[in-house]
Structure formats: structure tokens, C-alpha cells
Amino acid sequence: MPGFVPADPAEFFDPARMRIINAHHEAGHLLLAYYFGFAISRYAYRQFGRDLSAFVKNKMNPEFTQADAAFAAMAETQKLLAGELAGRINAGISAEQIVLPVKDFAAVSRDTPLRKLDWESDHKGHDTIRVLVIAHGLGVAEWWGWICEQHAEVANFLRVHWDKVERLAERILTVEPYSNDDERRAGTPSGHIEGDDLIRWCREIGCPVRDSRFTSVSYPAS
């Protein structure tokens, strides 16, 4: 069973590897978003201080959200966990770990009530914290086991479709973050990939779709 660790590994912040690891991280998100039929807006770079990052903007299909809220929450959870896992696999780090960036991590156990978990405000956007928020919304009693179960399913899915993650990451890496030296100096990358292109890549590569009734469409970035 996977275990929890308090922080992302140092490898994730190695400047020489960060962009490649992040491309696989976002490819993991993209693969699951496409699989579940999420609407996909764009892939875009962003910079915080000296750290270059990126994200795939997407949202759930309202049709299956309204039809089955529990399934929609599971799909969102698995999409979030897929990014962390794909980054770890590419970096050669154990995939049997889940980052849990909460306060007093050493005191947290499977018996800790979900409502007792607390985290710093700058971690509220972390994928695992977003999963905890979903678990809270669902009223999950045994959050530890529930997250581990979702993690195991995603890990198996990525093992089966790892070639798709690699090929999506390769295409993502063809798009440079900065269009000129001024952007690089200012730390304002404009490189991006529109949703139509991301969906086309998924189709060309042969990424799986869970239910043909719910397929990804693009929507404009705000």
C-alpha cells in the first residue's frame, strides 16, 4: 500500500530536469482528463520566482457531474493524482509515495480525522490537498484508505498507458516556454498549447476514452 511523505522530492526542483518532469506531470493530468471526457482549455507555462512550471486547464463534463456526483469526484481525484504519479515515474522516484503537505505531518496517521488535517495556504493548490477537499465534500470516513485506493488504480492505469504519457510529454516539450529573451528575463513565459491541439494529440496517439458518450471538447481560456 502507498505511503505518505510530507513534501515533493528534491528532484522535482532540479533546474536541469524540472521542465521534463513537469511535462510528464501535466501529460498525466491530460491523459486522465481525456480518458474521462473533461473539457480541455489549454496547456500554459507560468513562472514563480526562478521556477518554471506549467498547467493543463480543464474542467469536468457537467453531464456526468450532474448524473453521478460520486463518479465525477472520483474522476477528478484520479486526474489529480495522475500528475504527481507521472512526474515521479519519469524522475525515477518511488511511485508508492503520496505527498501530503500538511502541518504536523509526523503526527498524522490513518486514524487522524480528515477535519483535523491542516495545511499552509500556499499548499492549497497542491494536487493532494485538492484531493483532500474532494474527500471532505464526499464525506469520506476513511480518507487514508480511500486516497490509497484511488492512487493504486491510477498507478495501474499509467503503467498500462505509459507510452501515451511519454508521447504526450514529448509533444509538450516541443513548445518553448519563452518566445523571446525579454520574456525570459522578465519571467513571463507566453508558450502555450490550445485545447483543440491537445485533444488532437490525444486522438492521434490513441489515448483511451472511458465512455464514448463523454468525449473531450475544448473551451476558450479566460
Protein backbone atom coordinates (compact mmCIF):
# COMPACT_ATOMS: atom_id res chain seq x y z
CA MET A 1 0.00 0.00 0.00
CA PRO A 2 1.30 3.52 -0.80
CA GLY A 3 2.66 5.67 2.00
CA PHE A 4 2.53 9.40 2.59
CA VAL A 5 5.51 11.78 2.61
CA PRO A 6 5.49 15.45 3.71
CA ALA A 7 6.94 17.18 0.63
CA ASP A 8 7.71 16.90 -3.04
CA PRO A 9 11.14 15.31 -3.68
CA ALA A 10 14.17 17.48 -4.40
CA GLU A 11 14.34 16.04 -7.92
CA PHE A 12 11.19 17.98 -8.79
CA PHE A 13 13.10 21.24 -8.27
CA ASP A 14 16.30 20.40 -10.14
CA PRO A 15 16.51 23.15 -12.81
CA ALA A 16 18.09 20.74 -15.28
CA ARG A 17 15.17 18.28 -15.01
CA MET A 18 12.23 20.39 -13.87
CA ARG A 19 10.77 21.11 -17.31
CA ILE A 20 10.92 17.43 -18.38
CA ILE A 21 9.42 16.18 -15.12
CA ASN A 22 6.71 18.83 -15.28
CA ALA A 23 5.87 17.86 -18.87
CA HIS A 24 5.25 14.29 -17.70
CA HIS A 25 3.30 15.55 -14.69
CA GLU A 26 0.97 17.53 -16.95
CA ALA A 27 0.81 14.71 -19.51
CA GLY A 28 -0.52 12.51 -16.69
CA HIS A 29 -3.24 15.07 -15.95
CA LEU A 30 -4.04 15.39 -19.66
CA LEU A 31 -4.27 11.64 -20.25
CA LEU A 32 -6.81 11.18 -17.44
CA ALA A 33 -8.73 14.34 -18.38
CA TYR A 34 -9.10 12.98 -21.92
CA TYR A 35 -9.95 9.49 -20.65
CA PHE A 36 -12.82 10.82 -18.53
CA GLY A 37 -14.04 13.27 -21.17
CA PHE A 38 -13.16 16.52 -19.39
CA ALA A 39 -13.34 19.77 -21.31
CA ILE A 40 -9.79 20.96 -22.02
CA SER A 41 -8.79 24.61 -22.46
CA ARG A 42 -5.01 24.89 -22.86
CA TYR A 43 -1.54 24.00 -21.64
CA ALA A 44 0.33 27.08 -20.48
CA TYR A 45 3.66 27.86 -18.84
CA ARG A 46 4.00 30.01 -15.72
CA GLN A 47 6.92 31.13 -13.62
CA PHE A 48 7.17 31.63 -9.85
CA GLY A 49 10.43 33.33 -8.94
CA ARG A 50 13.07 31.29 -10.76
CA ASP A 51 10.91 28.15 -11.01
CA LEU A 52 9.28 27.40 -14.37
CA SER A 53 6.06 25.40 -14.17
CA ALA A 54 3.01 24.71 -16.33
CA PHE A 55 -0.58 23.54 -16.12
CA VAL A 56 -3.33 21.97 -18.22
CA LYS A 57 -6.51 23.97 -17.69
CA ASN A 58 -9.55 21.69 -17.75
CA LYS A 59 -12.93 21.15 -16.15
CA MET A 60 -15.35 18.27 -15.61
CA ASN A 61 -18.07 17.38 -18.10
CA PRO A 62 -21.26 18.76 -16.48
CA GLU A 63 -23.35 15.92 -17.93
CA PHE A 64 -21.75 13.19 -15.85
CA THR A 65 -21.23 15.54 -12.90
CA GLN A 66 -24.97 16.01 -12.66
CA ALA A 67 -25.71 12.33 -13.30
CA ASP A 68 -23.30 10.88 -10.72
CA ALA A 69 -21.57 13.25 -8.33
CA ALA A 70 -19.57 10.46 -6.66
CA PHE A 71 -18.21 9.26 -10.02
CA ALA A 72 -17.33 12.81 -11.03
CA ALA A 73 -15.43 13.28 -7.76
CA MET A 74 -13.55 10.02 -8.35
CA ALA A 75 -12.64 11.11 -11.89
CA GLU A 76 -11.34 14.46 -10.64
CA THR A 77 -9.36 12.70 -7.90
CA GLN A 78 -7.73 10.27 -10.29
CA LYS A 79 -6.89 13.04 -12.74
CA LEU A 80 -5.18 15.00 -9.95
CA LEU A 81 -3.21 12.01 -8.66
CA ALA A 82 -2.08 11.10 -12.18
CA GLY A 83 0.09 14.21 -12.43
CA GLU A 84 2.03 13.52 -9.25
CA LEU A 85 2.49 9.87 -10.22
CA ALA A 86 3.60 10.57 -13.79
CA GLY A 87 6.19 13.07 -12.56
CA ARG A 88 7.56 10.56 -10.06
CA ILE A 89 7.76 7.76 -12.60
CA ASN A 90 9.66 9.96 -15.05
CA ALA A 91 12.04 11.11 -12.30
CA GLY A 92 12.74 7.51 -11.27
CA ILE A 93 11.27 8.07 -7.79
CA SER A 94 9.10 5.56 -5.96
CA ALA A 95 5.52 5.68 -7.18
CA GLU A 96 4.45 4.16 -3.86
CA GLN A 97 4.51 7.54 -2.14
CA ILE A 98 1.89 10.27 -1.99
CA VAL A 99 2.84 13.80 -1.00
CA LEU A 100 0.72 15.08 1.91
CA PRO A 101 1.89 18.66 2.63
CA VAL A 102 0.03 19.19 5.91
CA LYS A 103 1.04 20.76 9.21
CA ASP A 104 2.33 18.39 11.93
CA PHE A 105 2.83 15.67 9.33
CA ALA A 106 4.65 13.41 11.79
CA ALA A 107 1.54 13.23 13.96
CA VAL A 108 -0.77 12.22 11.09
CA SER A 109 -1.93 8.60 10.89
CA ARG A 110 -4.74 6.66 9.24
CA ASP A 111 -6.76 7.34 12.42
CA THR A 112 -6.46 11.13 12.10
CA PRO A 113 -9.90 12.56 11.24
CA LEU A 114 -9.99 14.35 7.91
CA ARG A 115 -11.34 17.50 9.58
CA LYS A 116 -8.19 17.62 11.75
CA LEU A 117 -5.82 17.91 8.80
CA ASP A 118 -4.48 21.40 8.25
CA TRP A 119 -2.19 22.88 5.62
CA GLU A 120 -0.45 26.12 4.77
CA SER A 121 -2.31 28.49 2.46
CA ASP A 122 0.46 28.23 -0.15
CA HIS A 123 -0.24 24.50 -0.42
CA LYS A 124 -3.98 24.78 -1.07
CA GLY A 125 -3.41 24.33 -4.81
CA HIS A 126 -1.33 21.16 -4.38
CA ASP A 127 -2.92 18.17 -6.09
CA THR A 128 -3.16 16.08 -2.91
CA ILE A 129 -4.71 18.94 -0.93
CA ARG A 130 -7.33 19.30 -3.65
CA VAL A 131 -7.99 15.56 -3.31
CA LEU A 132 -8.50 16.02 0.46
CA VAL A 133 -11.04 18.75 -0.25
CA ILE A 134 -12.89 16.34 -2.57
CA ALA A 135 -12.82 13.61 0.10
CA HIS A 136 -14.23 16.07 2.62
CA GLY A 137 -17.03 17.01 0.23
CA LEU A 138 -17.92 13.36 -0.25
CA GLY A 139 -17.93 12.73 3.48
CA VAL A 140 -15.31 10.01 3.16
CA ALA A 141 -14.88 8.42 6.60
CA GLU A 142 -11.56 6.63 5.97
CA TRP A 143 -9.70 9.18 3.86
CA TRP A 144 -6.32 7.41 4.12
CA GLY A 145 -7.54 4.17 2.57
CA TRP A 146 -9.73 5.97 0.03
CA ILE A 147 -6.82 8.01 -1.35
CA CYS A 148 -4.56 4.94 -1.41
CA GLU A 149 -7.22 3.04 -3.36
CA GLN A 150 -7.54 5.82 -5.94
CA HIS A 151 -3.74 6.07 -6.13
CA ALA A 152 -3.42 2.33 -6.83
CA GLU A 153 -5.97 2.49 -9.66
CA VAL A 154 -4.19 5.44 -11.25
CA ALA A 155 -0.78 3.78 -10.89
CA ASN A 156 -2.06 0.70 -12.72
CA PHE A 157 -3.65 2.84 -15.45
CA LEU A 158 -0.40 4.73 -16.02
CA ARG A 159 1.62 1.51 -16.16
CA VAL A 160 -0.66 0.22 -18.92
CA HIS A 161 -0.62 3.50 -20.86
CA TRP A 162 2.84 4.84 -20.02
CA ASP A 163 3.75 5.06 -23.70
CA LYS A 164 0.92 7.58 -24.13
CA VAL A 165 2.27 9.72 -21.27
CA GLU A 166 5.74 9.68 -22.86
CA ARG A 167 4.43 10.66 -26.28
CA LEU A 168 2.27 13.47 -24.90
CA ALA A 169 5.21 14.77 -22.86
CA GLU A 170 7.44 14.68 -25.94
CA ARG A 171 4.97 16.85 -27.84
CA ILE A 172 4.56 19.25 -24.92
CA LEU A 173 8.34 19.72 -24.80
CA THR A 174 8.40 20.88 -28.43
CA VAL A 175 6.68 24.10 -27.31
CA GLU A 176 9.19 26.55 -25.85
CA PRO A 177 8.17 28.49 -22.74
CA TYR A 178 9.55 31.85 -23.89
CA SER A 179 9.07 33.45 -27.28
CA ASN A 180 11.98 35.89 -26.84
CA ASP A 181 14.75 37.00 -24.46
CA ASP A 182 12.59 39.75 -22.97
CA GLU A 183 10.08 37.17 -21.72
CA ARG A 184 12.90 35.06 -20.32
CA ARG A 185 14.43 38.00 -18.43
CA ALA A 186 11.04 39.14 -17.11
CA GLY A 187 9.96 35.62 -16.16
CA THR A 188 6.76 35.92 -18.21
CA PRO A 189 6.54 32.84 -20.46
CA SER A 190 3.86 33.01 -23.15
CA GLY A 191 4.30 29.50 -24.56
CA HIS A 192 1.05 27.55 -24.65
CA ILE A 193 -0.90 24.83 -26.46
CA GLU A 194 -4.60 25.29 -27.20
CA GLY A 195 -7.16 22.71 -26.15
CA ASP A 196 -8.02 21.72 -29.73
CA ASP A 197 -4.39 20.74 -30.31
CA LEU A 198 -4.14 18.83 -27.02
CA ILE A 199 -7.27 16.85 -27.87
CA ARG A 200 -6.00 16.20 -31.40
CA TRP A 201 -2.71 14.89 -29.97
CA CYS A 202 -4.60 12.53 -27.68
CA ARG A 203 -6.59 11.19 -30.63
CA GLU A 204 -3.53 10.82 -32.86
CA ILE A 205 -1.63 8.96 -30.15
CA GLY A 206 -4.60 6.69 -29.46
CA CYS A 207 -5.26 7.70 -25.86
CA PRO A 208 -8.13 5.69 -24.33
CA VAL A 209 -11.61 7.05 -23.69
CA ARG A 210 -13.66 5.57 -20.86
CA ASP A 211 -17.11 6.27 -22.32
CA SER A 212 -17.71 7.34 -25.92
CA ARG A 213 -20.75 9.34 -24.78
CA PHE A 214 -18.48 11.72 -22.90
CA THR A 215 -15.58 12.90 -25.03
CA SER A 216 -13.32 15.90 -24.53
CA VAL A 217 -14.09 19.22 -26.15
CA SER A 218 -12.09 22.43 -25.97
CA TYR A 219 -13.13 25.71 -24.43
CA PRO A 220 -11.53 29.16 -24.58
CA ALA A 221 -9.01 30.18 -21.95
CA SER A 222 -10.16 33.04 -19.76
